[in-house]
């Protein structure tokens, strides 16, 4: 943080302390509704415990406001993460925010495509690693994978042969 940002952060904290958590949370929720047309459910539920909402929004806001990235790109990245995590509410919220910050239709579609590509790669990489750990390298268990083109005779085949 720059000295000015630190000063602004400290002033924000002092304002929160001066007006209290309940008033601050209500004020921030109204500002979100004005800016985005609605308050996301997650914020509404957090608002039932104002200290939780305030700490979440304070962290989120500080990360976004001190980022060297353009706010439009912060929203596009947030939208991509929401899409990859299959969270329709996060995706929609950040898509709307990105549009308000000047993102184009083409940029949004490209981010959706990229997030889908990465999410797909993540599923494959994770599943293949688990396969390698649990099946391919499973020495103590009697599970062995058949080799391509080869026939495997396991316990069942041996038991049938005995009958």
N, C-alpha and C. Protein backbone atom coordinates (compact mmCIF):
# COMPACT_ATOMS: atom_id res chain seq x y z
N UNK A 1 0.84 -1.18 0.00
CA UNK A 1 0.00 0.00 0.00
C UNK A 1 0.88 1.24 0.00
N UNK A 2 0.44 2.24 -0.71
CA UNK A 2 1.14 3.51 -0.65
C UNK A 2 0.73 4.22 0.62
N UNK A 3 1.48 5.26 1.00
CA UNK A 3 1.13 6.00 2.22
C UNK A 3 -0.28 6.56 2.13
N UNK A 4 -0.67 7.06 0.96
CA UNK A 4 -2.01 7.62 0.80
C UNK A 4 -3.07 6.53 0.97
N UNK A 5 -2.83 5.37 0.39
CA UNK A 5 -3.77 4.27 0.52
C UNK A 5 -3.86 3.82 1.98
N UNK A 6 -2.73 3.76 2.66
CA UNK A 6 -2.75 3.40 4.08
C UNK A 6 -3.56 4.41 4.88
N UNK A 7 -3.37 5.67 4.54
CA UNK A 7 -4.10 6.72 5.25
C UNK A 7 -5.60 6.58 4.98
N UNK A 8 -5.97 6.34 3.73
CA UNK A 8 -7.39 6.16 3.40
C UNK A 8 -7.96 4.93 4.11
N UNK A 9 -7.16 3.88 4.18
CA UNK A 9 -7.60 2.66 4.86
C UNK A 9 -7.83 2.94 6.35
N UNK A 10 -6.90 3.62 6.96
CA UNK A 10 -7.04 3.95 8.38
C UNK A 10 -8.23 4.86 8.63
N UNK A 11 -8.48 5.79 7.70
CA UNK A 11 -9.66 6.67 7.83
C UNK A 11 -10.94 5.86 7.70
N UNK A 12 -10.94 4.90 6.82
CA UNK A 12 -12.11 4.04 6.64
C UNK A 12 -12.38 3.24 7.93
N UNK A 13 -11.32 2.69 8.50
CA UNK A 13 -11.46 1.96 9.76
C UNK A 13 -11.99 2.87 10.88
N UNK A 14 -11.46 4.07 10.95
CA UNK A 14 -11.91 5.01 11.99
C UNK A 14 -13.39 5.34 11.80
N UNK A 15 -13.83 5.49 10.55
CA UNK A 15 -15.24 5.77 10.27
C UNK A 15 -16.13 4.60 10.71
N UNK A 16 -15.66 3.37 10.45
CA UNK A 16 -16.41 2.18 10.86
C UNK A 16 -16.56 2.16 12.38
N UNK A 17 -15.47 2.40 13.08
CA UNK A 17 -15.50 2.40 14.54
C UNK A 17 -16.42 3.51 15.05
N UNK A 18 -16.34 4.69 14.45
CA UNK A 18 -17.15 5.83 14.90
C UNK A 18 -18.64 5.60 14.71
N UNK A 19 -19.05 5.03 13.59
CA UNK A 19 -20.49 4.87 13.35
C UNK A 19 -21.02 3.51 13.78
N UNK A 20 -20.14 2.54 14.01
CA UNK A 20 -20.56 1.23 14.48
C UNK A 20 -20.81 0.26 13.35
N UNK A 21 -20.79 -1.03 13.70
CA UNK A 21 -20.90 -2.09 12.70
C UNK A 21 -22.28 -2.11 12.05
N UNK A 22 -23.34 -1.97 12.82
CA UNK A 22 -24.69 -2.05 12.25
C UNK A 22 -24.93 -0.97 11.20
N UNK A 23 -24.58 0.26 11.53
CA UNK A 23 -24.79 1.38 10.61
C UNK A 23 -23.91 1.21 9.38
N UNK A 24 -22.65 0.81 9.57
CA UNK A 24 -21.72 0.62 8.45
C UNK A 24 -22.24 -0.45 7.51
N UNK A 25 -22.65 -1.59 8.07
CA UNK A 25 -23.13 -2.70 7.23
C UNK A 25 -24.35 -2.27 6.42
N UNK A 26 -25.29 -1.59 7.06
CA UNK A 26 -26.49 -1.12 6.37
C UNK A 26 -26.13 -0.13 5.26
N UNK A 27 -25.23 0.76 5.55
CA UNK A 27 -24.77 1.76 4.57
C UNK A 27 -24.12 1.08 3.36
N UNK A 28 -23.25 0.11 3.60
CA UNK A 28 -22.57 -0.59 2.53
C UNK A 28 -23.52 -1.43 1.69
N UNK A 29 -24.51 -2.04 2.34
CA UNK A 29 -25.50 -2.84 1.60
C UNK A 29 -26.31 -1.93 0.67
N UNK A 30 -26.68 -0.76 1.14
CA UNK A 30 -27.44 0.19 0.29
C UNK A 30 -26.58 0.63 -0.89
N UNK A 31 -25.31 0.88 -0.65
CA UNK A 31 -24.40 1.30 -1.73
C UNK A 31 -24.27 0.20 -2.78
N UNK A 32 -24.19 -1.05 -2.34
CA UNK A 32 -24.11 -2.18 -3.28
C UNK A 32 -25.38 -2.26 -4.11
N UNK A 33 -26.51 -2.10 -3.47
CA UNK A 33 -27.79 -2.17 -4.18
C UNK A 33 -27.91 -1.04 -5.21
N UNK A 34 -27.48 0.15 -4.84
CA UNK A 34 -27.53 1.28 -5.78
C UNK A 34 -26.60 1.02 -6.97
N UNK A 35 -25.40 0.55 -6.69
CA UNK A 35 -24.42 0.35 -7.76
C UNK A 35 -24.76 -0.82 -8.68
N UNK A 36 -25.25 -1.94 -8.11
CA UNK A 36 -25.46 -3.15 -8.91
C UNK A 36 -26.93 -3.53 -9.10
N UNK A 37 -27.82 -2.80 -8.48
CA UNK A 37 -29.25 -3.07 -8.66
C UNK A 37 -29.79 -4.13 -7.72
N UNK A 38 -28.93 -4.80 -7.00
CA UNK A 38 -29.35 -5.82 -6.04
C UNK A 38 -28.19 -6.12 -5.09
N UNK A 39 -28.54 -6.75 -3.99
CA UNK A 39 -27.52 -7.19 -3.04
C UNK A 39 -27.43 -8.70 -3.14
N UNK A 40 -26.26 -9.25 -3.44
CA UNK A 40 -26.13 -10.71 -3.51
C UNK A 40 -26.53 -11.38 -2.20
N UNK A 41 -27.10 -12.56 -2.32
CA UNK A 41 -27.56 -13.31 -1.16
C UNK A 41 -26.45 -13.51 -0.12
N UNK A 42 -25.26 -13.79 -0.58
CA UNK A 42 -24.15 -14.02 0.35
C UNK A 42 -23.94 -12.79 1.23
N UNK A 43 -24.08 -11.59 0.67
CA UNK A 43 -23.93 -10.37 1.46
C UNK A 43 -25.10 -10.19 2.42
N UNK A 44 -26.30 -10.55 1.96
CA UNK A 44 -27.47 -10.45 2.84
C UNK A 44 -27.29 -11.34 4.07
N UNK A 45 -26.85 -12.57 3.86
CA UNK A 45 -26.66 -13.48 4.99
C UNK A 45 -25.53 -13.00 5.89
N UNK A 46 -24.44 -12.54 5.28
CA UNK A 46 -23.35 -12.00 6.09
C UNK A 46 -23.82 -10.77 6.87
N UNK A 47 -24.74 -10.02 6.28
CA UNK A 47 -25.27 -8.81 6.91
C UNK A 47 -26.00 -9.10 8.21
N UNK A 48 -26.41 -10.34 8.41
CA UNK A 48 -27.04 -10.72 9.67
C UNK A 48 -26.03 -10.67 10.81
N UNK A 49 -24.76 -10.73 10.45
CA UNK A 49 -23.66 -10.54 11.40
C UNK A 49 -22.77 -9.45 10.82
N UNK A 50 -23.11 -8.19 11.09
CA UNK A 50 -22.42 -7.07 10.44
C UNK A 50 -20.90 -7.13 10.49
N UNK A 51 -20.33 -7.64 11.58
CA UNK A 51 -18.87 -7.71 11.67
C UNK A 51 -18.29 -8.65 10.63
N UNK A 52 -19.04 -9.69 10.26
CA UNK A 52 -18.59 -10.63 9.22
C UNK A 52 -18.67 -9.95 7.85
N UNK A 53 -19.80 -9.29 7.57
CA UNK A 53 -19.96 -8.57 6.30
C UNK A 53 -18.89 -7.50 6.15
N UNK A 54 -18.69 -6.72 7.18
CA UNK A 54 -17.72 -5.62 7.11
C UNK A 54 -16.31 -6.17 6.87
N UNK A 55 -15.92 -7.20 7.60
CA UNK A 55 -14.56 -7.73 7.42
C UNK A 55 -14.39 -8.31 6.02
N UNK A 56 -15.44 -8.99 5.50
CA UNK A 56 -15.36 -9.54 4.15
C UNK A 56 -15.25 -8.43 3.11
N UNK A 57 -16.12 -7.44 3.18
CA UNK A 57 -16.12 -6.37 2.18
C UNK A 57 -14.89 -5.48 2.32
N UNK A 58 -14.41 -5.32 3.54
CA UNK A 58 -13.20 -4.53 3.75
C UNK A 58 -12.01 -5.22 3.09
N UNK A 59 -11.90 -6.53 3.29
CA UNK A 59 -10.82 -7.30 2.65
C UNK A 59 -10.96 -7.26 1.13
N UNK A 60 -12.16 -7.58 0.65
CA UNK A 60 -12.43 -7.61 -0.80
C UNK A 60 -12.14 -6.25 -1.43
N UNK A 61 -12.62 -5.21 -0.79
CA UNK A 61 -12.42 -3.86 -1.32
C UNK A 61 -10.97 -3.43 -1.31
N UNK A 62 -10.27 -3.78 -0.24
CA UNK A 62 -8.86 -3.39 -0.14
C UNK A 62 -8.03 -4.12 -1.20
N UNK A 63 -8.28 -5.40 -1.40
CA UNK A 63 -7.56 -6.14 -2.44
C UNK A 63 -7.81 -5.51 -3.80
N UNK A 64 -9.07 -5.25 -4.12
CA UNK A 64 -9.42 -4.68 -5.43
C UNK A 64 -8.88 -3.26 -5.59
N UNK A 65 -8.99 -2.46 -4.54
CA UNK A 65 -8.58 -1.05 -4.65
C UNK A 65 -7.07 -0.85 -4.66
N UNK A 66 -6.33 -1.81 -4.16
CA UNK A 66 -4.87 -1.67 -4.16
C UNK A 66 -4.22 -2.48 -5.28
N UNK A 67 -5.03 -3.15 -6.08
CA UNK A 67 -4.50 -3.96 -7.17
C UNK A 67 -3.89 -3.09 -8.26
N UNK A 68 -2.77 -3.54 -8.82
CA UNK A 68 -2.21 -2.80 -9.96
C UNK A 68 -2.99 -3.09 -11.25
N UNK A 69 -3.91 -4.04 -11.20
CA UNK A 69 -4.71 -4.37 -12.37
C UNK A 69 -5.86 -3.37 -12.55
N UNK A 70 -6.21 -3.16 -13.78
CA UNK A 70 -7.36 -2.32 -14.11
C UNK A 70 -8.61 -2.96 -13.50
N UNK A 71 -9.51 -2.15 -12.89
CA UNK A 71 -10.71 -2.71 -12.27
C UNK A 71 -11.55 -3.59 -13.21
N UNK A 72 -11.57 -3.27 -14.50
CA UNK A 72 -12.30 -4.10 -15.45
C UNK A 72 -11.70 -5.50 -15.49
N UNK A 73 -10.38 -5.61 -15.47
CA UNK A 73 -9.74 -6.92 -15.51
C UNK A 73 -9.92 -7.68 -14.19
N UNK A 74 -9.97 -6.95 -13.08
CA UNK A 74 -10.26 -7.60 -11.80
C UNK A 74 -11.64 -8.26 -11.87
N UNK A 75 -12.61 -7.56 -12.44
CA UNK A 75 -13.97 -8.12 -12.56
C UNK A 75 -14.01 -9.27 -13.57
N UNK A 76 -13.28 -9.16 -14.67
CA UNK A 76 -13.24 -10.25 -15.65
C UNK A 76 -12.59 -11.50 -15.04
N UNK A 77 -11.53 -11.31 -14.26
CA UNK A 77 -10.89 -12.45 -13.59
C UNK A 77 -11.85 -13.05 -12.57
N UNK A 78 -12.52 -12.20 -11.82
CA UNK A 78 -13.49 -12.69 -10.83
C UNK A 78 -14.61 -13.46 -11.50
N UNK A 79 -15.06 -12.98 -12.66
CA UNK A 79 -16.10 -13.67 -13.42
C UNK A 79 -15.60 -15.04 -13.88
N UNK A 80 -14.35 -15.08 -14.35
CA UNK A 80 -13.78 -16.35 -14.81
C UNK A 80 -13.69 -17.36 -13.68
N UNK A 81 -13.29 -16.92 -12.51
CA UNK A 81 -13.20 -17.82 -11.36
C UNK A 81 -14.59 -18.31 -10.99
N UNK A 82 -15.57 -17.40 -10.97
CA UNK A 82 -16.95 -17.80 -10.68
C UNK A 82 -17.46 -18.83 -11.67
N UNK A 83 -17.14 -18.63 -12.94
CA UNK A 83 -17.57 -19.58 -13.97
C UNK A 83 -16.87 -20.92 -13.79
N UNK A 84 -15.57 -20.90 -13.54
CA UNK A 84 -14.82 -22.14 -13.36
C UNK A 84 -15.30 -22.91 -12.13
N UNK A 85 -15.71 -22.18 -11.11
CA UNK A 85 -16.22 -22.83 -9.89
C UNK A 85 -17.70 -23.19 -10.01
N UNK A 86 -18.28 -22.90 -11.16
CA UNK A 86 -19.68 -23.21 -11.44
C UNK A 86 -20.63 -22.50 -10.48
N UNK A 87 -20.33 -21.24 -10.18
CA UNK A 87 -21.17 -20.43 -9.32
C UNK A 87 -21.90 -19.42 -10.20
N UNK A 88 -23.17 -19.70 -10.54
CA UNK A 88 -23.89 -18.80 -11.43
C UNK A 88 -24.09 -17.40 -10.84
N UNK A 89 -24.19 -17.32 -9.52
CA UNK A 89 -24.40 -16.01 -8.90
C UNK A 89 -23.14 -15.17 -8.97
N UNK A 90 -21.99 -15.79 -8.68
CA UNK A 90 -20.71 -15.07 -8.78
C UNK A 90 -20.44 -14.65 -10.22
N UNK A 91 -20.69 -15.58 -11.14
CA UNK A 91 -20.45 -15.30 -12.56
C UNK A 91 -21.30 -14.13 -13.02
N UNK A 92 -22.57 -14.17 -12.71
CA UNK A 92 -23.48 -13.10 -13.13
C UNK A 92 -23.16 -11.76 -12.50
N UNK A 93 -22.87 -11.78 -11.22
CA UNK A 93 -22.55 -10.55 -10.49
C UNK A 93 -21.31 -9.88 -11.09
N UNK A 94 -20.25 -10.67 -11.27
CA UNK A 94 -19.00 -10.10 -11.77
C UNK A 94 -19.08 -9.78 -13.26
N UNK A 95 -19.93 -10.49 -13.99
CA UNK A 95 -20.16 -10.16 -15.40
C UNK A 95 -20.80 -8.79 -15.50
N UNK A 96 -21.81 -8.56 -14.67
CA UNK A 96 -22.50 -7.27 -14.64
C UNK A 96 -21.52 -6.15 -14.24
N UNK A 97 -20.69 -6.44 -13.24
CA UNK A 97 -19.70 -5.44 -12.80
C UNK A 97 -18.69 -5.16 -13.91
N UNK A 98 -18.25 -6.19 -14.61
CA UNK A 98 -17.29 -6.01 -15.71
C UNK A 98 -17.90 -5.15 -16.81
N UNK A 99 -19.16 -5.41 -17.14
CA UNK A 99 -19.84 -4.59 -18.15
C UNK A 99 -19.90 -3.13 -17.73
N UNK A 100 -20.20 -2.89 -16.46
CA UNK A 100 -20.25 -1.51 -15.95
C UNK A 100 -18.89 -0.84 -16.01
N UNK A 101 -17.84 -1.65 -15.98
CA UNK A 101 -16.48 -1.10 -16.02
C UNK A 101 -15.93 -1.04 -17.43
N UNK A 102 -16.78 -1.34 -18.42
CA UNK A 102 -16.38 -1.16 -19.81
C UNK A 102 -16.01 -2.41 -20.57
N UNK A 103 -16.21 -3.59 -19.99
CA UNK A 103 -15.90 -4.81 -20.71
C UNK A 103 -16.84 -4.96 -21.90
N UNK A 104 -16.32 -5.47 -22.99
CA UNK A 104 -17.13 -5.67 -24.19
C UNK A 104 -17.72 -7.07 -24.19
N UNK A 105 -18.69 -7.28 -25.07
CA UNK A 105 -19.30 -8.59 -25.25
C UNK A 105 -18.23 -9.61 -25.63
N UNK A 106 -17.33 -9.22 -26.53
CA UNK A 106 -16.28 -10.12 -26.99
C UNK A 106 -15.33 -10.49 -25.86
N UNK A 107 -14.99 -9.53 -25.00
CA UNK A 107 -14.10 -9.83 -23.87
C UNK A 107 -14.76 -10.82 -22.91
N UNK A 108 -16.03 -10.61 -22.63
CA UNK A 108 -16.74 -11.51 -21.73
C UNK A 108 -16.82 -12.91 -22.31
N UNK A 109 -17.15 -13.02 -23.60
CA UNK A 109 -17.22 -14.34 -24.22
C UNK A 109 -15.86 -15.03 -24.23
N UNK A 110 -14.79 -14.26 -24.45
CA UNK A 110 -13.44 -14.84 -24.44
C UNK A 110 -13.08 -15.35 -23.04
N UNK A 111 -13.43 -14.58 -22.01
CA UNK A 111 -13.15 -14.99 -20.64
C UNK A 111 -13.93 -16.25 -20.29
N UNK A 112 -15.17 -16.35 -20.75
CA UNK A 112 -15.97 -17.56 -20.51
C UNK A 112 -15.29 -18.76 -21.16
N UNK A 113 -14.84 -18.59 -22.39
CA UNK A 113 -14.16 -19.66 -23.11
C UNK A 113 -12.88 -20.09 -22.38
N UNK A 114 -12.09 -19.12 -21.95
CA UNK A 114 -10.84 -19.42 -21.25
C UNK A 114 -11.10 -20.09 -19.91
N UNK A 115 -12.10 -19.63 -19.18
CA UNK A 115 -12.38 -20.24 -17.87
C UNK A 115 -12.87 -21.67 -18.05
N UNK A 116 -13.64 -21.92 -19.09
CA UNK A 116 -14.08 -23.28 -19.38
C UNK A 116 -12.92 -24.18 -19.74
N UNK A 117 -11.99 -23.66 -20.51
CA UNK A 117 -10.82 -24.44 -20.91
C UNK A 117 -9.98 -24.81 -19.68
N UNK A 118 -9.75 -23.85 -18.81
CA UNK A 118 -8.96 -24.10 -17.60
C UNK A 118 -9.70 -25.03 -16.65
N UNK A 119 -11.01 -24.83 -16.49
CA UNK A 119 -11.79 -25.71 -15.61
C UNK A 119 -11.73 -27.15 -16.12
N UNK A 120 -11.84 -27.33 -17.43
CA UNK A 120 -11.76 -28.67 -18.02
C UNK A 120 -10.38 -29.27 -17.77
N UNK A 121 -9.34 -28.51 -18.00
CA UNK A 121 -7.98 -29.00 -17.77
C UNK A 121 -7.77 -29.36 -16.31
N UNK A 122 -8.34 -28.58 -15.42
CA UNK A 122 -8.22 -28.84 -13.98
C UNK A 122 -8.88 -30.16 -13.61
N UNK A 123 -10.07 -30.40 -14.15
CA UNK A 123 -10.77 -31.66 -13.88
C UNK A 123 -9.91 -32.84 -14.35
N UNK A 124 -9.39 -32.74 -15.56
CA UNK A 124 -8.57 -33.83 -16.10
C UNK A 124 -7.29 -34.04 -15.31
N UNK A 125 -6.58 -32.95 -15.03
CA UNK A 125 -5.32 -33.06 -14.30
C UNK A 125 -5.54 -33.66 -12.91
N UNK A 126 -6.56 -33.21 -12.23
CA UNK A 126 -6.86 -33.72 -10.90
C UNK A 126 -7.24 -35.21 -10.94
N UNK A 127 -8.15 -35.56 -11.83
CA UNK A 127 -8.61 -36.94 -11.92
C UNK A 127 -7.47 -37.88 -12.35
N UNK A 128 -6.64 -37.47 -13.28
CA UNK A 128 -5.52 -38.31 -13.71
C UNK A 128 -4.50 -38.51 -12.57
N UNK A 129 -4.26 -37.48 -11.78
CA UNK A 129 -3.35 -37.62 -10.64
C UNK A 129 -3.91 -38.60 -9.62
N UNK A 130 -5.20 -38.48 -9.34
CA UNK A 130 -5.84 -39.41 -8.40
C UNK A 130 -5.77 -40.83 -8.96
N UNK A 131 -6.02 -40.98 -10.24
CA UNK A 131 -5.92 -42.29 -10.88
C UNK A 131 -4.53 -42.87 -10.69
N UNK A 132 -3.51 -42.07 -10.96
CA UNK A 132 -2.14 -42.54 -10.82
C UNK A 132 -1.82 -42.92 -9.37
N UNK A 133 -2.29 -42.14 -8.42
CA UNK A 133 -2.02 -42.42 -7.01
C UNK A 133 -2.80 -43.63 -6.49
N UNK A 134 -4.03 -43.77 -6.89
CA UNK A 134 -4.90 -44.80 -6.32
C UNK A 134 -4.95 -46.10 -7.11
N UNK A 135 -4.75 -46.05 -8.39
CA UNK A 135 -4.90 -47.25 -9.21
C UNK A 135 -3.55 -47.71 -9.76
N UNK A 136 -2.89 -46.86 -10.47
CA UNK A 136 -1.64 -47.25 -11.13
C UNK A 136 -0.55 -47.64 -10.13
N UNK A 137 -0.47 -46.96 -9.01
CA UNK A 137 0.62 -47.20 -8.07
C UNK A 137 0.13 -47.91 -6.81
N UNK A 138 -0.98 -48.59 -6.87
CA UNK A 138 -1.58 -49.22 -5.70
C UNK A 138 -1.00 -50.62 -5.52
N UNK A 139 0.17 -50.72 -4.90
CA UNK A 139 0.83 -52.00 -4.72
C UNK A 139 0.12 -52.86 -3.67
N UNK A 140 -0.26 -52.32 -2.51
CA UNK A 140 -0.84 -53.18 -1.48
C UNK A 140 -2.20 -53.76 -1.85
N UNK A 141 -2.95 -53.05 -2.65
CA UNK A 141 -4.26 -53.59 -3.00
C UNK A 141 -4.11 -54.51 -4.21
N UNK A 142 -5.10 -55.29 -4.46
CA UNK A 142 -5.01 -56.25 -5.55
C UNK A 142 -5.64 -55.73 -6.83
N UNK A 143 -5.80 -54.44 -6.90
CA UNK A 143 -6.37 -53.84 -8.09
C UNK A 143 -5.25 -53.56 -9.07
N UNK A 144 -5.33 -54.17 -10.20
CA UNK A 144 -4.34 -53.94 -11.25
C UNK A 144 -5.09 -53.60 -12.51
N UNK A 145 -4.58 -52.62 -13.22
CA UNK A 145 -5.26 -52.22 -14.44
C UNK A 145 -4.79 -53.08 -15.59
N UNK A 146 -5.71 -53.48 -16.46
CA UNK A 146 -5.30 -54.28 -17.62
C UNK A 146 -4.49 -53.42 -18.58
N UNK A 147 -3.50 -54.01 -19.15
CA UNK A 147 -2.71 -53.30 -20.16
C UNK A 147 -3.48 -53.30 -21.47
N UNK A 148 -3.23 -52.32 -22.26
CA UNK A 148 -3.93 -52.20 -23.53
C UNK A 148 -3.75 -53.46 -24.36
N UNK A 149 -4.85 -54.05 -24.79
CA UNK A 149 -4.81 -55.22 -25.64
C UNK A 149 -4.58 -56.53 -24.90
N UNK A 150 -4.21 -56.46 -23.64
CA UNK A 150 -3.97 -57.67 -22.88
C UNK A 150 -5.20 -58.11 -22.12
N UNK A 151 -5.30 -59.39 -21.80
CA UNK A 151 -6.42 -59.90 -21.02
C UNK A 151 -5.93 -60.13 -19.61
N UNK A 152 -6.75 -59.76 -18.66
CA UNK A 152 -6.39 -59.89 -17.26
C UNK A 152 -7.25 -60.95 -16.62
N UNK A 153 -6.61 -61.83 -15.91
CA UNK A 153 -7.38 -62.81 -15.15
C UNK A 153 -7.25 -62.44 -13.70
N UNK A 154 -8.33 -62.01 -13.13
CA UNK A 154 -8.33 -61.62 -11.72
C UNK A 154 -8.85 -62.75 -10.87
N UNK A 155 -9.19 -62.44 -9.63
CA UNK A 155 -9.69 -63.42 -8.68
C UNK A 155 -10.97 -64.06 -9.15
N UNK A 156 -11.86 -63.29 -9.76
CA UNK A 156 -13.14 -63.83 -10.23
C UNK A 156 -12.93 -64.89 -11.32
N UNK A 157 -12.05 -64.58 -12.25
CA UNK A 157 -11.79 -65.53 -13.34
C UNK A 157 -11.17 -66.80 -12.78
N UNK A 158 -10.27 -66.69 -11.83
CA UNK A 158 -9.64 -67.86 -11.21
C UNK A 158 -10.68 -68.67 -10.44
N UNK A 159 -11.60 -68.00 -9.73
CA UNK A 159 -12.64 -68.68 -8.96
C UNK A 159 -13.58 -69.43 -9.89
N UNK A 160 -13.93 -68.85 -11.03
CA UNK A 160 -14.82 -69.51 -12.00
C UNK A 160 -14.14 -70.74 -12.58
N UNK A 161 -12.83 -70.66 -12.79
CA UNK A 161 -12.07 -71.76 -13.38
C UNK A 161 -12.05 -72.96 -12.44
N UNK A 162 -12.00 -72.71 -11.10
CA UNK A 162 -11.98 -73.76 -10.11
C UNK A 162 -13.29 -74.54 -10.07
N UNK A 163 -14.40 -73.89 -10.40
CA UNK A 163 -15.73 -74.52 -10.34
C UNK A 163 -15.92 -75.49 -11.40
